[in-house]
Structures are given as C-alpha cells and as structure tokens.
Amino acid sequence: MSVDYPEPEAQQPFGSTVGHRNITDQYRDLLSYLRPAQRKGLTARLANGYYEGWRPSRDEIADLVGVELGVITWDESVERGRARRAGKEPMSIIGRLRIR
C-alpha cells in the first residue's frame, strides 16, 4: 500500500507551521520579497529581538527588508528608527518594496 504525502511547502509554508503561530506570520507579505537565506536571517533577528522585548511595527520590518533589498541603506534605516523614537513617523517604504 502506498501513501501520497503532500510536498513540504504545501504542509508548512515559510514562517509558519501547521496549527502553530510563528513570529513572522504578521510579516509574511513583507518577508516574501526576500530570498530564503535572507528570510531565515531576519526571522532569527525577530526571534532574538522578541525575547529581548522588541515588538517591531510593520514599517520597521519593511525598513529591514528594504535594507536587504537595497531599497534603503543601513544608515537610512537607523535614521528612520531614530525618527520613530522621537515621535516623527517617517513615510512608509512598503510601497517601494513592491517595485522590483
């Protein structure tokens, strides 16, 4: 008797496991722009940061994805973070990520 099993991707899409929530679930659309190795690296940063009390906004994650894709520089990302902490929300770059 043979049993057909679904492909691993069909069972467990990146960033999530069947029936379990994952730290990346809310950022799935943003992380989809990254190559698998980049996604894994950013997921590790998110997991580590979570246990240190970091709860990033979507725009913060978009900035990190933007740095990975070369949409913004690391220095720009740092400045945008400083502006957020000072209460000045910079313009979102999420729309710029979709232009590839």
PDB file of N, CA and C in Angstrom:
ATOM      1  N   MET A   1       0.841  -1.170   0.000  1.00  0.00           N
ATOM      2  CA  MET A   1       0.000   0.000   0.000  1.00  0.00           C
ATOM      3  C   MET A   1       0.890   1.238   0.000  1.00  0.00           C
ATOM      4  N   SER A   2       0.606   2.176  -0.871  1.00  0.00           N
ATOM      5  CA  SER A   2       1.418   3.394  -0.917  1.00  0.00           C
ATOM      6  C   SER A   2       0.600   4.579  -0.430  1.00  0.00           C
ATOM      7  N   VAL A   3       1.296   5.484   0.205  1.00  0.00           N
ATOM      8  CA  VAL A   3       0.652   6.685   0.741  1.00  0.00           C
ATOM      9  C   VAL A   3       1.289   7.893   0.085  1.00  0.00           C
ATOM     10  N   ASP A   4       0.471   8.802  -0.425  1.00  0.00           N
ATOM     11  CA  ASP A   4       0.978  10.039  -1.013  1.00  0.00           C
ATOM     12  C   ASP A   4       0.980  11.135   0.038  1.00  0.00           C
ATOM     13  N   TYR A   5       2.137  11.716   0.268  1.00  0.00           N
ATOM     14  CA  TYR A   5       2.263  12.808   1.215  1.00  0.00           C
ATOM     15  C   TYR A   5       2.388  14.115   0.454  1.00  0.00           C
ATOM     16  N   PRO A   6       1.792  15.198   0.978  1.00  0.00           N
ATOM     17  CA  PRO A   6       1.960  16.497   0.302  1.00  0.00           C
ATOM     18  C   PRO A   6       3.413  16.944   0.348  1.00  0.00           C
ATOM     19  N   GLU A   7       3.766  17.792  -0.603  1.00  0.00           N
ATOM     20  CA  GLU A   7       5.098  18.389  -0.603  1.00  0.00           C
ATOM     21  C   GLU A   7       5.299  19.179   0.685  1.00  0.00           C
ATOM     22  N   PRO A   8       6.545  19.279   1.201  1.00  0.00           N
ATOM     23  CA  PRO A   8       6.786  20.032   2.438  1.00  0.00           C
ATOM     24  C   PRO A   8       6.267  21.463   2.388  1.00  0.00           C
ATOM     25  N   GLU A   9       6.413  22.161   1.235  1.00  0.00           N
ATOM     26  CA  GLU A   9       5.946  23.541   1.155  1.00  0.00           C
ATOM     27  C   GLU A   9       4.436  23.624   1.350  1.00  0.00           C
ATOM     28  N   ALA A  10       3.720  22.618   0.838  1.00  0.00           N
ATOM     29  CA  ALA A  10       2.272  22.624   0.970  1.00  0.00           C
ATOM     30  C   ALA A  10       1.864  22.388   2.419  1.00  0.00           C
ATOM     31  N   GLN A  11       2.646  21.598   3.138  1.00  0.00           N
ATOM     32  CA  GLN A  11       2.339  21.328   4.535  1.00  0.00           C
ATOM     33  C   GLN A  11       2.682  22.512   5.416  1.00  0.00           C
ATOM     34  N   GLN A  12       3.848  23.067   5.218  1.00  0.00           N
ATOM     35  CA  GLN A  12       4.345  24.101   6.106  1.00  0.00           C
ATOM     36  C   GLN A  12       4.969  25.238   5.314  1.00  0.00           C
ATOM     37  N   PRO A  13       4.163  26.232   4.923  1.00  0.00           N
ATOM     38  CA  PRO A  13       4.748  27.365   4.203  1.00  0.00           C
ATOM     39  C   PRO A  13       5.750  28.090   5.093  1.00  0.00           C
ATOM     40  N   PHE A  14       6.682  28.824   4.447  1.00  0.00           N
ATOM     41  CA  PHE A  14       7.703  29.500   5.233  1.00  0.00           C
ATOM     42  C   PHE A  14       7.084  30.364   6.311  1.00  0.00           C
ATOM     43  N   GLY A  15       7.761  30.443   7.445  1.00  0.00           N
ATOM     44  CA  GLY A  15       7.325  31.319   8.521  1.00  0.00           C
ATOM     45  C   GLY A  15       6.201  30.774   9.372  1.00  0.00           C
ATOM     46  N   SER A  16       5.760  29.557   9.112  1.00  0.00           N
ATOM     47  CA  SER A  16       4.658  29.037   9.901  1.00  0.00           C
ATOM     48  C   SER A  16       4.697  27.521   9.887  1.00  0.00           C
ATOM     49  N   THR A  17       4.104  26.939  10.889  1.00  0.00           N
ATOM     50  CA  THR A  17       3.919  25.506  10.911  1.00  0.00           C
ATOM     51  C   THR A  17       2.431  25.262  11.062  1.00  0.00           C
ATOM     52  N   VAL A  18       1.990  24.130  10.600  1.00  0.00           N
ATOM     53  CA  VAL A  18       0.569  23.822  10.625  1.00  0.00           C
ATOM     54  C   VAL A  18       0.053  23.877  12.053  1.00  0.00           C
ATOM     55  N   GLY A  19      -0.972  24.690  12.267  1.00  0.00           N
ATOM     56  CA  GLY A  19      -1.599  24.771  13.578  1.00  0.00           C
ATOM     57  C   GLY A  19      -0.863  25.599  14.612  1.00  0.00           C
ATOM     58  N   HIS A  20       0.272  26.187  14.252  1.00  0.00           N
ATOM     59  CA  HIS A  20       1.054  26.971  15.205  1.00  0.00           C
ATOM     60  C   HIS A  20       1.308  28.363  14.660  1.00  0.00           C
ATOM     61  N   ARG A  21       1.271  29.322  15.534  1.00  0.00           N
ATOM     62  CA  ARG A  21       1.609  30.687  15.133  1.00  0.00           C
ATOM     63  C   ARG A  21       3.118  30.845  15.153  1.00  0.00           C
ATOM     64  N   ASN A  22       3.586  31.741  14.311  1.00  0.00           N
ATOM     65  CA  ASN A  22       5.012  31.986  14.200  1.00  0.00           C
ATOM     66  C   ASN A  22       5.247  33.486  14.284  1.00  0.00           C
ATOM     67  N   ILE A  23       6.383  33.874  14.763  1.00  0.00           N
ATOM     68  CA  ILE A  23       6.711  35.290  14.936  1.00  0.00           C
ATOM     69  C   ILE A  23       6.661  36.048  13.606  1.00  0.00           C
ATOM     70  N   THR A  24       6.835  35.350  12.505  1.00  0.00           N
ATOM     71  CA  THR A  24       6.846  36.015  11.200  1.00  0.00           C
ATOM     72  C   THR A  24       5.483  36.070  10.523  1.00  0.00           C
ATOM     73  N   ASP A  25       4.467  35.440  11.072  1.00  0.00           N
ATOM     74  CA  ASP A  25       3.162  35.370  10.412  1.00  0.00           C
ATOM     75  C   ASP A  25       2.631  36.738  10.001  1.00  0.00           C
ATOM     76  N   GLN A  26       2.728  37.716  10.873  1.00  0.00           N
ATOM     77  CA  GLN A  26       2.164  39.028  10.566  1.00  0.00           C
ATOM     78  C   GLN A  26       2.977  39.810   9.542  1.00  0.00           C
ATOM     79  N   TYR A  27       4.168  39.316   9.208  1.00  0.00           N
ATOM     80  CA  TYR A  27       5.033  39.989   8.242  1.00  0.00           C
ATOM     81  C   TYR A  27       5.236  39.156   6.977  1.00  0.00           C
ATOM     82  N   ARG A  28       4.444  38.119   6.807  1.00  0.00           N
ATOM     83  CA  ARG A  28       4.607  37.172   5.703  1.00  0.00           C
ATOM     84  C   ARG A  28       4.713  37.877   4.353  1.00  0.00           C
ATOM     85  N   ASP A  29       3.854  38.854   4.097  1.00  0.00           N
ATOM     86  CA  ASP A  29       3.879  39.543   2.804  1.00  0.00           C
ATOM     87  C   ASP A  29       5.186  40.299   2.597  1.00  0.00           C
ATOM     88  N   LEU A  30       5.705  40.910   3.642  1.00  0.00           N
ATOM     89  CA  LEU A  30       6.964  41.656   3.532  1.00  0.00           C
ATOM     90  C   LEU A  30       8.146  40.714   3.339  1.00  0.00           C
ATOM     91  N   LEU A  31       8.148  39.632   4.078  1.00  0.00           N
ATOM     92  CA  LEU A  31       9.260  38.685   4.004  1.00  0.00           C
ATOM     93  C   LEU A  31       9.275  37.917   2.690  1.00  0.00           C
ATOM     94  N   SER A  32       8.154  37.902   1.987  1.00  0.00           N
ATOM     95  CA  SER A  32       8.094  37.165   0.718  1.00  0.00           C
ATOM     96  C   SER A  32       9.006  37.767  -0.342  1.00  0.00           C
ATOM     97  N   TYR A  33       9.444  39.006  -0.163  1.00  0.00           N
ATOM     98  CA  TYR A  33      10.352  39.643  -1.112  1.00  0.00           C
ATOM     99  C   TYR A  33      11.792  39.152  -0.975  1.00  0.00           C
ATOM    100  N   LEU A  34      12.081  38.476   0.134  1.00  0.00           N
ATOM    101  CA  LEU A  34      13.446  38.048   0.420  1.00  0.00           C
ATOM    102  C   LEU A  34      13.722  36.639  -0.094  1.00  0.00           C
ATOM    103  N   ARG A  35      14.985  36.373  -0.373  1.00  0.00           N
ATOM    104  CA  ARG A  35      15.411  35.009  -0.690  1.00  0.00           C
ATOM    105  C   ARG A  35      15.339  34.187   0.604  1.00  0.00           C
ATOM    106  N   PRO A  36      15.243  32.868   0.503  1.00  0.00           N
ATOM    107  CA  PRO A  36      15.125  32.027   1.703  1.00  0.00           C
ATOM    108  C   PRO A  36      16.191  32.291   2.766  1.00  0.00           C
ATOM    109  N   ALA A  37      17.442  32.450   2.368  1.00  0.00           N
ATOM    110  CA  ALA A  37      18.506  32.688   3.358  1.00  0.00           C
ATOM    111  C   ALA A  37      18.298  34.037   4.060  1.00  0.00           C
ATOM    112  N   GLN A  38      17.872  35.051   3.311  1.00  0.00           N
ATOM    113  CA  GLN A  38      17.606  36.362   3.915  1.00  0.00           C
ATOM    114  C   GLN A  38      16.429  36.264   4.886  1.00  0.00           C
ATOM    115  N   ARG A  39      15.391  35.513   4.495  1.00  0.00           N
ATOM    116  CA  ARG A  39      14.217  35.327   5.355  1.00  0.00           C
ATOM    117  C   ARG A  39      14.613  34.666   6.658  1.00  0.00           C
ATOM    118  N   LYS A  40      15.438  33.632   6.566  1.00  0.00           N
ATOM    119  CA  LYS A  40      15.878  32.925   7.773  1.00  0.00           C
ATOM    120  C   LYS A  40      16.653  33.856   8.688  1.00  0.00           C
ATOM    121  N   GLY A  41      17.518  34.679   8.109  1.00  0.00           N
ATOM    122  CA  GLY A  41      18.285  35.621   8.913  1.00  0.00           C
ATOM    123  C   GLY A  41      17.397  36.632   9.620  1.00  0.00           C
ATOM    124  N   LEU A  42      16.429  37.172   8.903  1.00  0.00           N
ATOM    125  CA  LEU A  42      15.535  38.158   9.512  1.00  0.00           C
ATOM    126  C   LEU A  42      14.626  37.501  10.545  1.00  0.00           C
ATOM    127  N   THR A  43      14.223  36.264  10.285  1.00  0.00           N
ATOM    128  CA  THR A  43      13.418  35.531  11.264  1.00  0.00           C
ATOM    129  C   THR A  43      14.210  35.321  12.551  1.00  0.00           C
ATOM    130  N   ALA A  44      15.486  35.006  12.420  1.00  0.00           N
ATOM    131  CA  ALA A  44      16.334  34.831  13.605  1.00  0.00           C
ATOM    132  C   ALA A  44      16.444  36.149  14.379  1.00  0.00           C
ATOM    133  N   ARG A  45      16.591  37.266  13.660  1.00  0.00           N
ATOM    134  CA  ARG A  45      16.650  38.577  14.321  1.00  0.00           C
ATOM    135  C   ARG A  45      15.353  38.870  15.061  1.00  0.00           C
ATOM    136  N   LEU A  46      14.222  38.553  14.426  1.00  0.00           N
ATOM    137  CA  LEU A  46      12.920  38.776  15.058  1.00  0.00           C
ATOM    138  C   LEU A  46      12.772  37.930  16.322  1.00  0.00           C
ATOM    139  N   ALA A  47      13.155  36.668  16.227  1.00  0.00           N
ATOM    140  CA  ALA A  47      13.037  35.775  17.386  1.00  0.00           C
ATOM    141  C   ALA A  47      13.918  36.257  18.532  1.00  0.00           C
ATOM    142  N   ASN A  48      15.152  36.601  18.228  1.00  0.00           N
ATOM    143  CA  ASN A  48      16.068  37.087  19.251  1.00  0.00           C
ATOM    144  C   ASN A  48      15.537  38.390  19.865  1.00  0.00           C
ATOM    145  N   GLY A  49      15.121  39.297  19.009  1.00  0.00           N
ATOM    146  CA  GLY A  49      14.591  40.569  19.486  1.00  0.00           C
ATOM    147  C   GLY A  49      13.339  40.410  20.330  1.00  0.00           C
ATOM    148  N   TYR A  50      12.495  39.452  19.965  1.00  0.00           N
ATOM    149  CA  TYR A  50      11.268  39.207  20.724  1.00  0.00           C
ATOM    150  C   TYR A  50      11.590  38.894  22.190  1.00  0.00           C
ATOM    151  N   TYR A  51      12.588  38.053  22.392  1.00  0.00           N
ATOM    152  CA  TYR A  51      12.948  37.678  23.757  1.00  0.00           C
ATOM    153  C   TYR A  51      13.691  38.784  24.495  1.00  0.00           C
ATOM    154  N   GLU A  52      14.102  39.814  23.754  1.00  0.00           N
ATOM    155  CA  GLU A  52      14.707  40.988  24.382  1.00  0.00           C
ATOM    156  C   GLU A  52      13.701  42.132  24.527  1.00  0.00           C
ATOM    157  N   GLY A  53      12.437  41.857  24.191  1.00  0.00           N
ATOM    158  CA  GLY A  53      11.381  42.850  24.367  1.00  0.00           C
ATOM    159  C   GLY A  53      11.071  43.692  23.144  1.00  0.00           C
ATOM    160  N   TRP A  54      11.659  43.379  21.992  1.00  0.00           N
ATOM    161  CA  TRP A  54      11.430  44.151  20.767  1.00  0.00           C
ATOM    162  C   TRP A  54      10.145  43.689  20.101  1.00  0.00           C
ATOM    163  N   ARG A  55       9.245  44.629  19.861  1.00  0.00           N
ATOM    164  CA  ARG A  55       7.995  44.353  19.162  1.00  0.00           C
ATOM    165  C   ARG A  55       7.913  45.321  17.982  1.00  0.00           C
ATOM    166  N   PRO A  56       8.530  44.966  16.855  1.00  0.00           N
ATOM    167  CA  PRO A  56       8.630  45.897  15.723  1.00  0.00           C
ATOM    168  C   PRO A  56       7.293  46.143  15.035  1.00  0.00           C
ATOM    169  N   SER A  57       7.165  47.323  14.475  1.00  0.00           N
ATOM    170  CA  SER A  57       5.997  47.645  13.653  1.00  0.00           C
ATOM    171  C   SER A  57       6.236  47.085  12.249  1.00  0.00           C
ATOM    172  N   ARG A  58       5.178  47.063  11.451  1.00  0.00           N
ATOM    173  CA  ARG A  58       5.325  46.625  10.068  1.00  0.00           C
ATOM    174  C   ARG A  58       6.319  47.512   9.321  1.00  0.00           C
ATOM    175  N   ASP A  59       6.273  48.814   9.608  1.00  0.00           N
ATOM    176  CA  ASP A  59       7.200  49.717   8.920  1.00  0.00           C
ATOM    177  C   ASP A  59       8.652  49.457   9.317  1.00  0.00           C
ATOM    178  N   GLU A  60       8.888  49.066  10.559  1.00  0.00           N
ATOM    179  CA  GLU A  60      10.261  48.725  10.965  1.00  0.00           C
ATOM    180  C   GLU A  60      10.744  47.488  10.206  1.00  0.00           C
ATOM    181  N   ILE A  61       9.867  46.496  10.075  1.00  0.00           N
ATOM    182  CA  ILE A  61      10.237  45.293   9.333  1.00  0.00           C
ATOM    183  C   ILE A  61      10.426  45.637   7.858  1.00  0.00           C
ATOM    184  N   ALA A  62       9.569  46.503   7.325  1.00  0.00           N
ATOM    185  CA  ALA A  62       9.725  46.942   5.931  1.00  0.00           C
ATOM    186  C   ALA A  62      11.081  47.608   5.739  1.00  0.00           C
ATOM    187  N   ASP A  63      11.511  48.397   6.711  1.00  0.00           N
ATOM    188  CA  ASP A  63      12.829  49.032   6.617  1.00  0.00           C
ATOM    189  C   ASP A  63      13.934  47.977   6.553  1.00  0.00           C
ATOM    190  N   LEU A  64      13.850  46.954   7.393  1.00  0.00           N
ATOM    191  CA  LEU A  64      14.872  45.904   7.396  1.00  0.00           C
ATOM    192  C   LEU A  64      14.863  45.132   6.082  1.00  0.00           C
ATOM    193  N   VAL A  65      13.667  44.856   5.562  1.00  0.00           N
ATOM    194  CA  VAL A  65      13.568  44.192   4.260  1.00  0.00           C
ATOM    195  C   VAL A  65      14.143  45.115   3.188  1.00  0.00           C
ATOM    196  N   GLY A  66      13.831  46.407   3.285  1.00  0.00           N
ATOM    197  CA  GLY A  66      14.358  47.385   2.331  1.00  0.00           C
ATOM    198  C   GLY A  66      15.873  47.429   2.313  1.00  0.00           C
ATOM    199  N   VAL A  67      16.472  47.300   3.486  1.00  0.00           N
ATOM    200  CA  VAL A  67      17.948  47.268   3.551  1.00  0.00           C
ATOM    201  C   VAL A  67      18.454  46.012   2.836  1.00  0.00           C
ATOM    202  N   GLU A  68      17.837  44.883   3.107  1.00  0.00           N
ATOM    203  CA  GLU A  68      18.250  43.624   2.460  1.00  0.00           C
ATOM    204  C   GLU A  68      18.143  43.709   0.945  1.00  0.00           C
ATOM    205  N   LEU A  69      17.126  44.412   0.454  1.00  0.00           N
ATOM    206  CA  LEU A  69      16.894  44.511  -0.988  1.00  0.00           C
ATOM    207  C   LEU A  69      17.634  45.669  -1.641  1.00  0.00           C
ATOM    208  N   GLY A  70      18.259  46.525  -0.828  1.00  0.00           N
ATOM    209  CA  GLY A  70      18.967  47.674  -1.372  1.00  0.00           C
ATOM    210  C   GLY A  70      18.065  48.851  -1.703  1.00  0.00           C
ATOM    211  N   VAL A  71      16.844  48.840  -1.176  1.00  0.00           N
ATOM    212  CA  VAL A  71      15.908  49.947  -1.404  1.00  0.00           C
ATOM    213  C   VAL A  71      16.312  51.163  -0.580  1.00  0.00           C
ATOM    214  N   ILE A  72      16.789  50.905   0.644  1.00  0.00           N
ATOM    215  CA  ILE A  72      17.334  51.965   1.501  1.00  0.00           C
ATOM    216  C   ILE A  72      18.657  51.451   2.071  1.00  0.00           C
ATOM    217  N   THR A  73      19.470  52.367   2.551  1.00  0.00           N
ATOM    218  CA  THR A  73      20.747  51.981   3.155  1.00  0.00           C
ATOM    219  C   THR A  73      20.549  51.692   4.639  1.00  0.00           C
ATOM    220  N   TRP A  74      21.559  51.050   5.224  1.00  0.00           N
ATOM    221  CA  TRP A  74      21.511  50.791   6.665  1.00  0.00           C
ATOM    222  C   TRP A  74      21.429  52.112   7.426  1.00  0.00           C
ATOM    223  N   ASP A  75      22.201  53.117   7.003  1.00  0.00           N
ATOM    224  CA  ASP A  75      22.180  54.426   7.667  1.00  0.00           C
ATOM    225  C   ASP A  75      20.787  55.055   7.608  1.00  0.00           C
ATOM    226  N   GLU A  76      20.121  54.936   6.461  1.00  0.00           N
ATOM    227  CA  GLU A  76      18.753  55.467   6.350  1.00  0.00           C
ATOM    228  C   GLU A  76      17.815  54.741   7.314  1.00  0.00           C
ATOM    229  N   SER A  77      17.987  53.436   7.419  1.00  0.00           N
ATOM    230  CA  SER A  77      17.163  52.653   8.335  1.00  0.00           C
ATOM    231  C   SER A  77      17.368  53.107   9.780  1.00  0.00           C
ATOM    232  N   VAL A  78      18.613  53.346  10.150  1.00  0.00           N
ATOM    233  CA  VAL A  78      18.928  53.813  11.511  1.00  0.00           C
ATOM    234  C   VAL A  78      18.283  55.177  11.753  1.00  0.00           C
ATOM    235  N   GLU A  79      18.395  56.078  10.797  1.00  0.00           N
ATOM    236  CA  GLU A  79      17.794  57.414  10.937  1.00  0.00           C
ATOM    237  C   GLU A  79      16.276  57.324  11.049  1.00  0.00           C
ATOM    238  N   ARG A  80      15.676  56.434  10.279  1.00  0.00           N
ATOM    239  CA  ARG A  80      14.220  56.252  10.345  1.00  0.00           C
ATOM    240  C   ARG A  80      13.817  55.727  11.724  1.00  0.00           C
ATOM    241  N   GLY A  81      14.624  54.844  12.293  1.00  0.00           N
ATOM    242  CA  GLY A  81      14.364  54.344  13.640  1.00  0.00           C
ATOM    243  C   GLY A  81      14.462  55.450  14.678  1.00  0.00           C
ATOM    244  N   ARG A  82      15.455  56.321  14.531  1.00  0.00           N
ATOM    245  CA  ARG A  82      15.599  57.466  15.454  1.00  0.00           C
ATOM    246  C   ARG A  82      14.398  58.394  15.356  1.00  0.00           C
ATOM    247  N   ALA A  83      13.938  58.627  14.128  1.00  0.00           N
ATOM    248  CA  ALA A  83      12.768  59.483  13.934  1.00  0.00           C
ATOM    249  C   ALA A  83      11.543  58.879  14.611  1.00  0.00           C
ATOM    250  N   ARG A  84      11.365  57.567  14.499  1.00  0.00           N
ATOM    251  CA  ARG A  84      10.222  56.904  15.145  1.00  0.00           C
ATOM    252  C   ARG A  84      10.282  57.073  16.660  1.00  0.00           C
ATOM    253  N   ARG A  85      11.472  56.875  17.217  1.00  0.00           N
ATOM    254  CA  ARG A  85      11.614  57.016  18.678  1.00  0.00           C
ATOM    255  C   ARG A  85      11.370  58.439  19.132  1.00  0.00           C
ATOM    256  N   ALA A  86      11.601  59.409  18.242  1.00  0.00           N
ATOM    257  CA  ALA A  86      11.374  60.821  18.565  1.00  0.00           C
ATOM    258  C   ALA A  86       9.919  61.228  18.296  1.00  0.00           C
ATOM    259  N   GLY A  87       9.081  60.248  17.871  1.00  0.00           N
ATOM    260  CA  GLY A  87       7.677  60.537  17.634  1.00  0.00           C
ATOM    261  C   GLY A  87       7.365  61.082  16.250  1.00  0.00           C
ATOM    262  N   LYS A  88       8.343  61.044  15.355  1.00  0.00           N
ATOM    263  CA  LYS A  88       8.143  61.518  13.977  1.00  0.00           C
ATOM    264  C   LYS A  88       8.141  60.308  13.060  1.00  0.00           C
ATOM    265  N   GLU A  89       6.966  59.857  12.685  1.00  0.00           N
ATOM    266  CA  GLU A  89       6.858  58.656  11.850  1.00  0.00           C
ATOM    267  C   GLU A  89       7.265  58.965  10.409  1.00  0.00           C
ATOM    268  N   PRO A  90       8.359  58.363   9.936  1.00  0.00           N
ATOM    269  CA  PRO A  90       8.779  58.601   8.548  1.00  0.00           C
ATOM    270  C   PRO A  90       7.808  57.952   7.559  1.00  0.00           C
ATOM    271  N   MET A  91       7.841  58.396   6.310  1.00  0.00           N
ATOM    272  CA  MET A  91       6.980  57.835   5.290  1.00  0.00           C
ATOM    273  C   MET A  91       7.309  56.354   5.104  1.00  0.00           C
ATOM    274  N   SER A  92       6.291  55.547   5.000  1.00  0.00           N
ATOM    275  CA  SER A  92       6.467  54.108   4.839  1.00  0.00           C
ATOM    276  C   SER A  92       7.139  53.788   3.509  1.00  0.00           C
ATOM    277  N   ILE A  93       7.986  52.762   3.524  1.00  0.00           N
ATOM    278  CA  ILE A  93       8.613  52.324   2.283  1.00  0.00           C
ATOM    279  C   ILE A  93       7.963  51.050   1.745  1.00  0.00           C
ATOM    280  N   ILE A  94       6.893  50.599   2.360  1.00  0.00           N
ATOM    281  CA  ILE A  94       6.257  49.343   1.939  1.00  0.00           C
ATOM    282  C   ILE A  94       5.922  49.372   0.446  1.00  0.00           C
ATOM    283  N   GLY A  95       5.409  50.478  -0.053  1.00  0.00           N
ATOM    284  CA  GLY A  95       5.103  50.592  -1.470  1.00  0.00           C
ATOM    285  C   GLY A  95       6.333  50.459  -2.350  1.00  0.00           C
ATOM    286  N   ARG A  96       7.462  50.925  -1.871  1.00  0.00           N
ATOM    287  CA  ARG A  96       8.702  50.827  -2.642  1.00  0.00           C
ATOM    288  C   ARG A  96       9.217  49.392  -2.714  1.00  0.00           C
ATOM    289  N   LEU A  97       8.856  48.555  -1.740  1.00  0.00           N
ATOM    290  CA  LEU A  97       9.295  47.163  -1.769  1.00  0.00           C
ATOM    291  C   LEU A  97       8.624  46.420  -2.909  1.00  0.00           C
ATOM    292  N   ARG A  98       7.432  46.820  -3.243  1.00  0.00           N
ATOM    293  CA  ARG A  98       6.660  46.111  -4.273  1.00  0.00           C
ATOM    294  C   ARG A  98       7.147  46.441  -5.680  1.00  0.00           C
ATOM    295  N   ILE A  99       8.004  47.420  -5.807  1.00  0.00           N
ATOM    296  CA  ILE A  99       8.538  47.808  -7.112  1.00  0.00           C
ATOM    297  C   ILE A  99       9.878  47.113  -7.276  1.00  0.00           C
ATOM    298  N   ARG A 100       9.860  45.954  -7.888  1.00  0.00           N
ATOM    299  CA  ARG A 100      11.099  45.197  -8.103  1.00  0.00           C
ATOM    300  C   ARG A 100      11.185  44.738  -9.513  1.00  0.00           C
TER     301      ARG A 100
END
